[in-house]
Amino acid sequence: MEIVVIGAGSVGMLIASFLSEYNDRVTLITRREEQARNLKLYGLLRKNSDGTSTITEVNSSTCLPGLSRDALVIITVKYGQLKQVYDTLHTLDPSIPLLFLQNGLAHFEEANTLPHQSIAFGSCQFGAQRENDRTVHHRGHGLLKLAIEKGDTRPYTLLLQSPNPLFQVEVVESAENMLFEKALLNSFINPLTAILEVTNGMLVENPITHSLLENLYKELKVAFPEEVKQVSFSDVENLCRRTADNKSSMLGDILNLRPTEIETIVGALLKKAADRGKTLPILETLYLLVLAKEGSGEKM
């Protein structure tokens, strides 16, 4: 099966690395020709959490190739880049299945307007960190959760066949619920780590940030009682510990002076709360602080 991964950031590189272990028809679409060239020359290097390294060969290009009907397209670019990708996806045969791997909620309704017969959404429960154009770190073990929004599981069967225990896929029922749950978890960790410039583990190691984390959890539980009851505070603590050495994607964006995903993650939750007549003063304060830090273009 031909697999095309659009987006050669940390998540795209990690997904392509795992898939190319058991499929020799993986193509990684990069934004820069230099990265495509480095991947062709030296291969895709994955540094595993146990200290080992894995090198695989992937095809790489800055342009989407002509695709056969048995292809699968996985979109891993961040939300801010999706609008450009939608134009490309509209040119594909509608029978080609799509899988979206983005944080937040804003892309859910947008992607569902595409004419494709098979559309799925994923939620990465593991960590990924890009080191350079050909090297990615696998950090924090976890599943890739997969929810089918249009069609059935058949176009995504290959993803379920991974022989690597570090890359396992679990199919869940509701894409919207899955994305909402991930947005909640991201809202606990990403803004705080971005503002404080600390790794995930520091949120539970420091008693002050731990209290702030707990107060934020209680606030969200009041606004979203049904949704948050699926995620205990222990789950949040364990996630911080399991990914203790990770830098959140939002912190990475701040440190590299890139736009963050604060709108699609936290902004979307604030809007949902407002629609329910609820206020989230702690989360809104964090949201505004991240926007201020992002807009300053420098560390605070």
C-alpha atoms as a PDB file:
ATOM      1  CA  MET A   1       0.000   0.000   0.000  1.00  0.00           C
ATOM      2  CA  GLU A   2       1.306   3.428  -0.906  1.00  0.00           C
ATOM      3  CA  ILE A   3       1.439   5.796   2.074  1.00  0.00           C
ATOM      4  CA  VAL A   4       2.046   9.529   1.735  1.00  0.00           C
ATOM      5  CA  VAL A   5       2.757  11.569   4.861  1.00  0.00           C
ATOM      6  CA  ILE A   6       2.220  15.294   4.298  1.00  0.00           C
ATOM      7  CA  GLY A   7       4.338  17.242   6.760  1.00  0.00           C
ATOM      8  CA  ALA A   8       7.918  16.457   7.777  1.00  0.00           C
ATOM      9  CA  GLY A   9       7.864  17.907  11.261  1.00  0.00           C
ATOM     10  CA  SER A  10       8.278  15.813  14.400  1.00  0.00           C
ATOM     11  CA  VAL A  11       5.010  13.855  14.137  1.00  0.00           C
ATOM     12  CA  GLY A  12       5.265  13.297  10.378  1.00  0.00           C
ATOM     13  CA  MET A  13       8.848  12.079  10.626  1.00  0.00           C
ATOM     14  CA  LEU A  14       8.054   9.736  13.516  1.00  0.00           C
ATOM     15  CA  ILE A  15       4.974   8.250  11.833  1.00  0.00           C
ATOM     16  CA  ALA A  16       6.887   7.784   8.555  1.00  0.00           C
ATOM     17  CA  SER A  17       9.740   6.141  10.429  1.00  0.00           C
ATOM     18  CA  PHE A  18       7.523   3.529  12.075  1.00  0.00           C
ATOM     19  CA  LEU A  19       5.507   2.847   8.917  1.00  0.00           C
ATOM     20  CA  SER A  20       8.599   2.426   6.755  1.00  0.00           C
ATOM     21  CA  GLU A  21       9.752  -0.402   9.020  1.00  0.00           C
ATOM     22  CA  TYR A  22       7.129  -2.670   7.491  1.00  0.00           C
ATOM     23  CA  ASN A  23       6.117  -0.887   4.295  1.00  0.00           C
ATOM     24  CA  ASP A  24       8.534   0.112   1.531  1.00  0.00           C
ATOM     25  CA  ARG A  25       6.137   2.554  -0.164  1.00  0.00           C
ATOM     26  CA  VAL A  26       6.235   5.469   2.273  1.00  0.00           C
ATOM     27  CA  THR A  27       6.701   8.992   0.938  1.00  0.00           C
ATOM     28  CA  LEU A  28       7.326  11.979   3.199  1.00  0.00           C
ATOM     29  CA  ILE A  29       6.282  15.352   1.772  1.00  0.00           C
ATOM     30  CA  THR A  30       8.590  18.122   2.973  1.00  0.00           C
ATOM     31  CA  ARG A  31       8.314  21.887   2.693  1.00  0.00           C
ATOM     32  CA  ARG A  32      11.987  22.388   1.806  1.00  0.00           C
ATOM     33  CA  GLU A  33      14.005  20.729  -0.946  1.00  0.00           C
ATOM     34  CA  GLU A  34      17.038  20.578   1.369  1.00  0.00           C
ATOM     35  CA  GLN A  35      15.193  18.313   3.809  1.00  0.00           C
ATOM     36  CA  ALA A  36      13.944  16.064   1.011  1.00  0.00           C
ATOM     37  CA  ARG A  37      17.504  15.764  -0.280  1.00  0.00           C
ATOM     38  CA  ASN A  38      18.936  14.915   3.169  1.00  0.00           C
ATOM     39  CA  LEU A  39      16.325  12.208   3.690  1.00  0.00           C
ATOM     40  CA  LYS A  40      17.129  10.674   0.299  1.00  0.00           C
ATOM     41  CA  LEU A  41      20.878  10.729   0.928  1.00  0.00           C
ATOM     42  CA  TYR A  42      21.058   9.615   4.555  1.00  0.00           C
ATOM     43  CA  GLY A  43      17.729   8.005   5.429  1.00  0.00           C
ATOM     44  CA  LEU A  44      15.316   8.763   8.270  1.00  0.00           C
ATOM     45  CA  LEU A  45      16.921   8.313  11.689  1.00  0.00           C
ATOM     46  CA  ARG A  46      14.729   7.593  14.715  1.00  0.00           C
ATOM     47  CA  LYS A  47      16.264   7.795  18.183  1.00  0.00           C
ATOM     48  CA  ASN A  48      14.292   5.452  20.398  1.00  0.00           C
ATOM     49  CA  SER A  49      13.503   6.040  24.045  1.00  0.00           C
ATOM     50  CA  ASP A  50      15.633   3.033  25.058  1.00  0.00           C
ATOM     51  CA  GLY A  51      18.774   4.615  23.621  1.00  0.00           C
ATOM     52  CA  THR A  52      18.823   2.625  20.382  1.00  0.00           C
ATOM     53  CA  SER A  53      18.561   4.102  16.895  1.00  0.00           C
ATOM     54  CA  THR A  54      16.680   2.964  13.805  1.00  0.00           C
ATOM     55  CA  ILE A  55      17.387   4.102  10.235  1.00  0.00           C
ATOM     56  CA  THR A  56      14.805   3.515   7.512  1.00  0.00           C
ATOM     57  CA  GLU A  57      14.544   4.528   3.888  1.00  0.00           C
ATOM     58  CA  VAL A  58      11.644   6.715   2.805  1.00  0.00           C
ATOM     59  CA  ASN A  59      10.828   8.465  -0.417  1.00  0.00           C
ATOM     60  CA  SER A  60      10.856  12.225   0.006  1.00  0.00           C
ATOM     61  CA  SER A  61       9.604  15.080  -2.122  1.00  0.00           C
ATOM     62  CA  THR A  62       8.325  18.640  -1.933  1.00  0.00           C
ATOM     63  CA  CYS A  63       5.468  17.746  -4.295  1.00  0.00           C
ATOM     64  CA  LEU A  64       2.615  15.297  -3.909  1.00  0.00           C
ATOM     65  CA  PRO A  65       3.154  12.437  -6.381  1.00  0.00           C
ATOM     66  CA  GLY A  66       0.480  10.974  -8.589  1.00  0.00           C
ATOM     67  CA  LEU A  67      -1.366   8.555  -6.325  1.00  0.00           C
ATOM     68  CA  SER A  68      -2.992   5.220  -7.045  1.00  0.00           C
ATOM     69  CA  ARG A  69      -6.363   4.378  -5.520  1.00  0.00           C
ATOM     70  CA  ASP A  70      -4.754   2.049  -2.989  1.00  0.00           C
ATOM     71  CA  ALA A  71      -2.864   4.976  -1.434  1.00  0.00           C
ATOM     72  CA  LEU A  72      -3.382   6.387   2.060  1.00  0.00           C
ATOM     73  CA  VAL A  73      -2.656  10.058   2.753  1.00  0.00           C
ATOM     74  CA  ILE A  74      -1.714  11.043   6.318  1.00  0.00           C
ATOM     75  CA  ILE A  75      -1.746  14.773   7.052  1.00  0.00           C
ATOM     76  CA  THR A  76       0.524  15.803   9.946  1.00  0.00           C
ATOM     77  CA  VAL A  77       1.031  19.545   9.358  1.00  0.00           C
ATOM     78  CA  LYS A  78      -0.067  21.914  12.102  1.00  0.00           C
ATOM     79  CA  TYR A  79      -3.450  23.593  11.907  1.00  0.00           C
ATOM     80  CA  GLY A  80      -2.064  26.860  10.556  1.00  0.00           C
ATOM     81  CA  GLN A  81      -0.775  25.060   7.447  1.00  0.00           C
ATOM     82  CA  LEU A  82      -3.934  23.045   6.792  1.00  0.00           C
ATOM     83  CA  LYS A  83      -5.678  25.619   4.598  1.00  0.00           C
ATOM     84  CA  GLN A  84      -2.963  25.235   1.948  1.00  0.00           C
ATOM     85  CA  VAL A  85      -3.148  21.438   2.219  1.00  0.00           C
ATOM     86  CA  TYR A  86      -6.943  21.425   1.730  1.00  0.00           C
ATOM     87  CA  ASP A  87      -6.462  22.853  -1.766  1.00  0.00           C
ATOM     88  CA  THR A  88      -4.143  19.963  -2.620  1.00  0.00           C
ATOM     89  CA  LEU A  89      -6.483  17.366  -1.127  1.00  0.00           C
ATOM     90  CA  HIS A  90      -9.338  18.630  -3.295  1.00  0.00           C
ATOM     91  CA  THR A  91      -7.313  17.596  -6.360  1.00  0.00           C
ATOM     92  CA  LEU A  92      -7.080  13.954  -5.229  1.00  0.00           C
ATOM     93  CA  ASP A  93      -9.415  11.152  -6.230  1.00  0.00           C
ATOM     94  CA  PRO A  94     -12.199  11.119  -3.565  1.00  0.00           C
ATOM     95  CA  SER A  95     -11.696   7.374  -3.137  1.00  0.00           C
ATOM     96  CA  ILE A  96      -8.234   7.960  -1.592  1.00  0.00           C
ATOM     97  CA  PRO A  97      -8.576   7.765   2.219  1.00  0.00           C
ATOM     98  CA  LEU A  98      -7.310  10.542   4.471  1.00  0.00           C
ATOM     99  CA  LEU A  99      -6.024  10.515   8.057  1.00  0.00           C
ATOM    100  CA  PHE A 100      -5.640  13.796   9.958  1.00  0.00           C
ATOM    101  CA  LEU A 101      -3.178  14.030  12.866  1.00  0.00           C
ATOM    102  CA  GLN A 102      -3.551  17.508  14.359  1.00  0.00           C
ATOM    103  CA  ASN A 103      -3.930  18.849  17.864  1.00  0.00           C
ATOM    104  CA  GLY A 104      -7.057  20.713  18.825  1.00  0.00           C
ATOM    105  CA  LEU A 105     -10.599  20.771  17.474  1.00  0.00           C
ATOM    106  CA  ALA A 106     -10.742  23.439  14.786  1.00  0.00           C
ATOM    107  CA  HIS A 107      -9.864  21.096  11.909  1.00  0.00           C
ATOM    108  CA  PHE A 108     -12.604  18.545  12.662  1.00  0.00           C
ATOM    109  CA  GLU A 109     -15.499  20.281  10.908  1.00  0.00           C
ATOM    110  CA  GLU A 110     -13.276  21.667   8.149  1.00  0.00           C
ATOM    111  CA  ALA A 111     -11.863  18.266   7.176  1.00  0.00           C
ATOM    112  CA  ASN A 112     -15.333  16.742   7.109  1.00  0.00           C
ATOM    113  CA  THR A 113     -16.331  19.065   4.258  1.00  0.00           C
ATOM    114  CA  LEU A 114     -13.830  17.350   1.947  1.00  0.00           C
ATOM    115  CA  PRO A 115     -15.415  15.080  -0.686  1.00  0.00           C
ATOM    116  CA  HIS A 116     -13.383  12.008   0.246  1.00  0.00           C
ATOM    117  CA  GLN A 117     -15.246   8.801   1.013  1.00  0.00           C
ATOM    118  CA  SER A 118     -12.932   7.759   3.862  1.00  0.00           C
ATOM    119  CA  ILE A 119     -11.804  10.294   6.469  1.00  0.00           C
ATOM    120  CA  ALA A 120     -10.262   9.411   9.826  1.00  0.00           C
ATOM    121  CA  PHE A 121      -8.732  11.387  12.673  1.00  0.00           C
ATOM    122  CA  GLY A 122      -5.892  10.364  14.950  1.00  0.00           C
ATOM    123  CA  SER A 123      -4.619  11.335  18.361  1.00  0.00           C
ATOM    124  CA  CYS A 124      -0.959  10.673  19.190  1.00  0.00           C
ATOM    125  CA  GLN A 125      -0.491   9.616  22.806  1.00  0.00           C
ATOM    126  CA  PHE A 126       3.304   9.495  22.441  1.00  0.00           C
ATOM    127  CA  GLY A 127       5.897  12.228  22.164  1.00  0.00           C
ATOM    128  CA  ALA A 128       7.949  13.244  19.148  1.00  0.00           C
ATOM    129  CA  GLN A 129      10.794  15.743  18.906  1.00  0.00           C
ATOM    130  CA  ARG A 130      12.559  16.709  15.692  1.00  0.00           C
ATOM    131  CA  GLU A 131      16.317  17.119  16.029  1.00  0.00           C
ATOM    132  CA  ASN A 132      17.195  18.007  12.444  1.00  0.00           C
ATOM    133  CA  ASP A 133      16.072  17.383   8.867  1.00  0.00           C
ATOM    134  CA  ARG A 134      16.537  13.610   9.115  1.00  0.00           C
ATOM    135  CA  THR A 135      16.459  12.843  12.858  1.00  0.00           C
ATOM    136  CA  VAL A 136      13.466  12.484  15.162  1.00  0.00           C
ATOM    137  CA  HIS A 137      13.256  11.385  18.799  1.00  0.00           C
ATOM    138  CA  HIS A 138      10.526   9.059  20.049  1.00  0.00           C
ATOM    139  CA  ARG A 139       9.625  10.285  23.524  1.00  0.00           C
ATOM    140  CA  GLY A 140       6.941   8.986  25.845  1.00  0.00           C
ATOM    141  CA  HIS A 141       5.282   5.690  24.981  1.00  0.00           C
ATOM    142  CA  GLY A 142       1.638   5.585  24.000  1.00  0.00           C
ATOM    143  CA  LEU A 143      -0.872   4.561  21.391  1.00  0.00           C
ATOM    144  CA  LEU A 144      -2.002   6.208  18.203  1.00  0.00           C
ATOM    145  CA  LYS A 145      -5.758   6.449  18.679  1.00  0.00           C
ATOM    146  CA  LEU A 146      -7.716   6.231  15.437  1.00  0.00           C
ATOM    147  CA  ALA A 147     -11.361   7.192  14.863  1.00  0.00           C
ATOM    148  CA  ILE A 148     -13.167   6.725  11.548  1.00  0.00           C
ATOM    149  CA  GLU A 149     -15.475   9.608  10.699  1.00  0.00           C
ATOM    150  CA  LYS A 150     -16.377   8.573   7.133  1.00  0.00           C
ATOM    151  CA  GLY A 151     -16.196   5.070   5.680  1.00  0.00           C
ATOM    152  CA  ASP A 152     -14.878   2.080   7.639  1.00  0.00           C
ATOM    153  CA  THR A 153     -11.588   0.706   8.944  1.00  0.00           C
ATOM    154  CA  ARG A 154     -10.576  -1.171   5.782  1.00  0.00           C
ATOM    155  CA  PRO A 155      -8.462   1.639   4.226  1.00  0.00           C
ATOM    156  CA  TYR A 156      -6.550   1.949   7.506  1.00  0.00           C
ATOM    157  CA  THR A 157      -5.891  -1.764   8.104  1.00  0.00           C
ATOM    158  CA  LEU A 158      -2.162  -1.433   7.430  1.00  0.00           C
ATOM    159  CA  LEU A 159      -1.798   0.898  10.414  1.00  0.00           C
ATOM    160  CA  LEU A 160      -3.158  -1.849  12.672  1.00  0.00           C
ATOM    161  CA  GLN A 161      -0.505  -4.332  11.514  1.00  0.00           C
ATOM    162  CA  SER A 162       2.596  -2.721  12.996  1.00  0.00           C
ATOM    163  CA  PRO A 163       4.984  -5.349  14.405  1.00  0.00           C
ATOM    164  CA  ASN A 164       6.702  -2.743  16.581  1.00  0.00           C
ATOM    165  CA  PRO A 165       5.327  -2.622  20.150  1.00  0.00           C
ATOM    166  CA  LEU A 166       6.282   1.066  20.316  1.00  0.00           C
ATOM    167  CA  PHE A 167       3.862   1.886  17.498  1.00  0.00           C
ATOM    168  CA  GLN A 168       0.445   0.425  18.164  1.00  0.00           C
ATOM    169  CA  VAL A 169      -2.897   1.740  16.936  1.00  0.00           C
ATOM    170  CA  GLU A 170      -6.205   1.563  18.802  1.00  0.00           C
ATOM    171  CA  VAL A 171      -9.520   2.210  17.039  1.00  0.00           C
ATOM    172  CA  VAL A 172     -12.016   4.251  19.062  1.00  0.00           C
ATOM    173  CA  GLU A 173     -15.620   5.127  18.259  1.00  0.00           C
ATOM    174  CA  SER A 174     -15.983   8.899  18.274  1.00  0.00           C
ATOM    175  CA  ALA A 175     -13.499  11.150  16.505  1.00  0.00           C
ATOM    176  CA  GLU A 176     -14.949  14.293  18.079  1.00  0.00           C
ATOM    177  CA  ASN A 177     -14.792  12.861  21.609  1.00  0.00           C
ATOM    178  CA  MET A 178     -11.240  11.629  21.026  1.00  0.00           C
ATOM    179  CA  LEU A 179     -10.086  15.036  19.794  1.00  0.00           C
ATOM    180  CA  PHE A 180     -11.862  16.788  22.650  1.00  0.00           C
ATOM    181  CA  GLU A 181     -10.162  14.524  25.197  1.00  0.00           C
ATOM    182  CA  LYS A 182      -6.753  15.211  23.632  1.00  0.00           C
ATOM    183  CA  ALA A 183      -7.486  18.965  23.599  1.00  0.00           C
ATOM    184  CA  LEU A 184      -8.266  18.781  27.312  1.00  0.00           C
ATOM    185  CA  LEU A 185      -4.983  17.008  28.042  1.00  0.00           C
ATOM    186  CA  ASN A 186      -3.087  19.507  25.888  1.00  0.00           C
ATOM    187  CA  SER A 187      -4.788  22.391  27.697  1.00  0.00           C
ATOM    188  CA  PHE A 188      -3.488  21.131  31.027  1.00  0.00           C
ATOM    189  CA  ILE A 189       0.104  20.798  29.861  1.00  0.00           C
ATOM    190  CA  ASN A 190       0.883  22.973  26.838  1.00  0.00           C
ATOM    191  CA  PRO A 191       0.066  26.514  28.047  1.00  0.00           C
ATOM    192  CA  LEU A 192       1.745  26.067  31.432  1.00  0.00           C
ATOM    193  CA  THR A 193       4.919  24.567  29.992  1.00  0.00           C
ATOM    194  CA  ALA A 194       5.043  27.245  27.291  1.00  0.00           C
ATOM    195  CA  ILE A 195       4.674  30.107  29.774  1.00  0.00           C
ATOM    196  CA  LEU A 196       7.066  28.678  32.372  1.00  0.00           C
ATOM    197  CA  GLU A 197       9.463  27.175  29.807  1.00  0.00           C
ATOM    198  CA  VAL A 198       9.686  23.852  31.639  1.00  0.00           C
ATOM    199  CA  THR A 199       9.419  20.204  30.657  1.00  0.00           C
ATOM    200  CA  ASN A 200       6.182  18.309  31.293  1.00  0.00           C
ATOM    201  CA  GLY A 201       7.473  16.592  34.400  1.00  0.00           C
ATOM    202  CA  MET A 202       8.106  19.873  36.210  1.00  0.00           C
ATOM    203  CA  LEU A 203       4.347  20.497  36.366  1.00  0.00           C
ATOM    204  CA  VAL A 204       3.964  17.703  38.920  1.00  0.00           C
ATOM    205  CA  GLU A 205       7.401  17.930  40.533  1.00  0.00           C
ATOM    206  CA  ASN A 206       6.958  21.545  41.611  1.00  0.00           C
ATOM    207  CA  PRO A 207       4.260  21.901  44.337  1.00  0.00           C
ATOM    208  CA  ILE A 208       3.176  25.329  43.076  1.00  0.00           C
ATOM    209  CA  THR A 209       2.686  24.272  39.461  1.00  0.00           C
ATOM    210  CA  HIS A 210       1.072  21.056  40.714  1.00  0.00           C
ATOM    211  CA  SER A 211      -1.527  23.112  42.609  1.00  0.00           C
ATOM    212  CA  LEU A 212      -2.108  25.291  39.557  1.00  0.00           C
ATOM    213  CA  LEU A 213      -2.544  22.170  37.445  1.00  0.00           C
ATOM    214  CA  GLU A 214      -5.073  20.780  39.916  1.00  0.00           C
ATOM    215  CA  ASN A 215      -7.033  24.055  40.043  1.00  0.00           C
ATOM    216  CA  LEU A 216      -7.155  24.099  36.242  1.00  0.00           C
ATOM    217  CA  TYR A 217      -8.462  20.533  36.242  1.00  0.00           C
ATOM    218  CA  LYS A 218     -11.241  21.459  38.706  1.00  0.00           C
ATOM    219  CA  GLU A 219     -12.194  24.478  36.590  1.00  0.00           C
ATOM    220  CA  LEU A 220     -12.496  22.416  33.412  1.00  0.00           C
ATOM    221  CA  LYS A 221     -14.430  19.722  35.255  1.00  0.00           C
ATOM    222  CA  VAL A 222     -17.101  22.259  36.183  1.00  0.00           C
ATOM    223  CA  ALA A 223     -17.401  23.488  32.589  1.00  0.00           C
ATOM    224  CA  PHE A 224     -17.258  20.037  30.963  1.00  0.00           C
ATOM    225  CA  PRO A 225     -18.453  17.533  33.602  1.00  0.00           C
ATOM    226  CA  GLU A 226     -19.321  14.692  31.223  1.00  0.00           C
ATOM    227  CA  GLU A 227     -16.161  14.976  29.148  1.00  0.00           C
ATOM    228  CA  VAL A 228     -13.706  15.501  32.011  1.00  0.00           C
ATOM    229  CA  LYS A 229     -15.029  12.556  34.006  1.00  0.00           C
ATOM    230  CA  GLN A 230     -13.393  10.375  31.339  1.00  0.00           C
ATOM    231  CA  VAL A 231     -10.019  11.862  32.381  1.00  0.00           C
ATOM    232  CA  SER A 232      -9.098  11.747  36.065  1.00  0.00           C
ATOM    233  CA  PHE A 233      -6.581  14.116  37.625  1.00  0.00           C
ATOM    234  CA  SER A 234      -4.379  11.054  38.128  1.00  0.00           C
ATOM    235  CA  ASP A 235      -4.435  10.599  34.343  1.00  0.00           C
ATOM    236  CA  VAL A 236      -3.119  14.142  33.942  1.00  0.00           C
ATOM    237  CA  GLU A 237      -0.415  13.572  36.558  1.00  0.00           C
ATOM    238  CA  ASN A 238       0.595  10.268  34.990  1.00  0.00           C
ATOM    239  CA  LEU A 239       0.807  11.860  31.550  1.00  0.00           C
ATOM    240  CA  CYS A 240       3.168  14.496  32.937  1.00  0.00           C
ATOM    241  CA  ARG A 241       5.303  11.798  34.550  1.00  0.00           C
ATOM    242  CA  ARG A 242       5.227   9.505  31.513  1.00  0.00           C
ATOM    243  CA  THR A 243       6.448  12.369  29.310  1.00  0.00           C
ATOM    244  CA  ALA A 244       8.523  14.013  32.047  1.00  0.00           C
ATOM    245  CA  ASP A 245      11.484  14.924  29.841  1.00  0.00           C
ATOM    246  CA  ASN A 246       9.349  16.128  26.931  1.00  0.00           C
ATOM    247  CA  LYS A 247       9.078  19.712  25.815  1.00  0.00           C
ATOM    248  CA  SER A 248       5.490  20.306  24.740  1.00  0.00           C
ATOM    249  CA  SER A 249       4.879  21.297  21.135  1.00  0.00           C
ATOM    250  CA  MET A 250       3.690  24.706  22.337  1.00  0.00           C
ATOM    251  CA  LEU A 251       6.899  25.267  24.293  1.00  0.00           C
ATOM    252  CA  GLY A 252       8.884  24.199  21.222  1.00  0.00           C
ATOM    253  CA  ASP A 253       7.017  26.768  19.152  1.00  0.00           C
ATOM    254  CA  ILE A 254       7.685  29.525  21.691  1.00  0.00           C
ATOM    255  CA  LEU A 255      11.388  28.702  21.933  1.00  0.00           C
ATOM    256  CA  ASN A 256      11.715  28.651  18.146  1.00  0.00           C
ATOM    257  CA  LEU A 257       9.670  31.849  17.684  1.00  0.00           C
ATOM    258  CA  ARG A 258       6.954  30.053  15.727  1.00  0.00           C
ATOM    259  CA  PRO A 259       3.182  30.597  15.955  1.00  0.00           C
ATOM    260  CA  THR A 260       1.642  28.234  18.515  1.00  0.00           C
ATOM    261  CA  GLU A 261      -1.513  26.141  18.324  1.00  0.00           C
ATOM    262  CA  ILE A 262      -3.083  28.075  21.213  1.00  0.00           C
ATOM    263  CA  GLU A 263      -6.161  29.020  19.163  1.00  0.00           C
ATOM    264  CA  THR A 264      -7.080  25.560  17.919  1.00  0.00           C
ATOM    265  CA  ILE A 265      -6.411  23.907  21.304  1.00  0.00           C
ATOM    266  CA  VAL A 266      -7.240  26.382  24.078  1.00  0.00           C
ATOM    267  CA  GLY A 267      -9.212  28.915  22.053  1.00  0.00           C
ATOM    268  CA  ALA A 268     -11.559  26.159  20.874  1.00  0.00           C
ATOM    269  CA  LEU A 269     -12.186  25.009  24.459  1.00  0.00           C
ATOM    270  CA  LEU A 270     -12.866  28.569  25.609  1.00  0.00           C
ATOM    271  CA  LYS A 271     -15.414  28.944  22.796  1.00  0.00           C
ATOM    272  CA  LYS A 272     -17.135  25.670  23.699  1.00  0.00           C
ATOM    273  CA  ALA A 273     -17.311  26.751  27.340  1.00  0.00           C
ATOM    274  CA  ALA A 274     -18.765  30.140  26.357  1.00  0.00           C
ATOM    275  CA  ASP A 275     -21.391  28.381  24.243  1.00  0.00           C
ATOM    276  CA  ARG A 276     -22.438  26.556  27.407  1.00  0.00           C
ATOM    277  CA  GLY A 277     -22.532  29.753  29.437  1.00  0.00           C
ATOM    278  CA  LYS A 278     -19.398  28.796  31.381  1.00  0.00           C
ATOM    279  CA  THR A 279     -16.287  30.822  32.092  1.00  0.00           C
ATOM    280  CA  LEU A 280     -12.751  29.479  32.484  1.00  0.00           C
ATOM    281  CA  PRO A 281     -10.774  32.288  34.165  1.00  0.00           C
ATOM    282  CA  ILE A 282      -7.612  30.249  34.811  1.00  0.00           C
ATOM    283  CA  LEU A 283      -7.478  28.815  31.303  1.00  0.00           C
ATOM    284  CA  GLU A 284      -8.318  32.177  29.734  1.00  0.00           C
ATOM    285  CA  THR A 285      -5.474  33.797  31.677  1.00  0.00           C
ATOM    286  CA  LEU A 286      -3.062  31.133  30.416  1.00  0.00           C
ATOM    287  CA  TYR A 287      -4.420  31.615  26.894  1.00  0.00           C
ATOM    288  CA  LEU A 288      -3.778  35.365  27.021  1.00  0.00           C
ATOM    289  CA  LEU A 289      -0.303  34.887  28.495  1.00  0.00           C
ATOM    290  CA  VAL A 290       0.675  32.514  25.679  1.00  0.00           C
ATOM    291  CA  LEU A 291      -0.687  34.981  23.101  1.00  0.00           C
ATOM    292  CA  ALA A 292       1.320  37.784  24.739  1.00  0.00           C
ATOM    293  CA  LYS A 293       4.467  35.667  24.777  1.00  0.00           C
ATOM    294  CA  GLU A 294       3.932  34.534  21.198  1.00  0.00           C
ATOM    295  CA  GLY A 295       3.297  38.088  20.023  1.00  0.00           C
ATOM    296  CA  SER A 296       6.376  39.452  21.764  1.00  0.00           C
ATOM    297  CA  GLY A 297       8.653  37.358  19.552  1.00  0.00           C
ATOM    298  CA  GLU A 298      11.003  36.831  22.471  1.00  0.00           C
ATOM    299  CA  LYS A 299      11.234  35.136  25.830  1.00  0.00           C
ATOM    300  CA  MET A 300       9.527  36.943  28.666  1.00  0.00           C
END
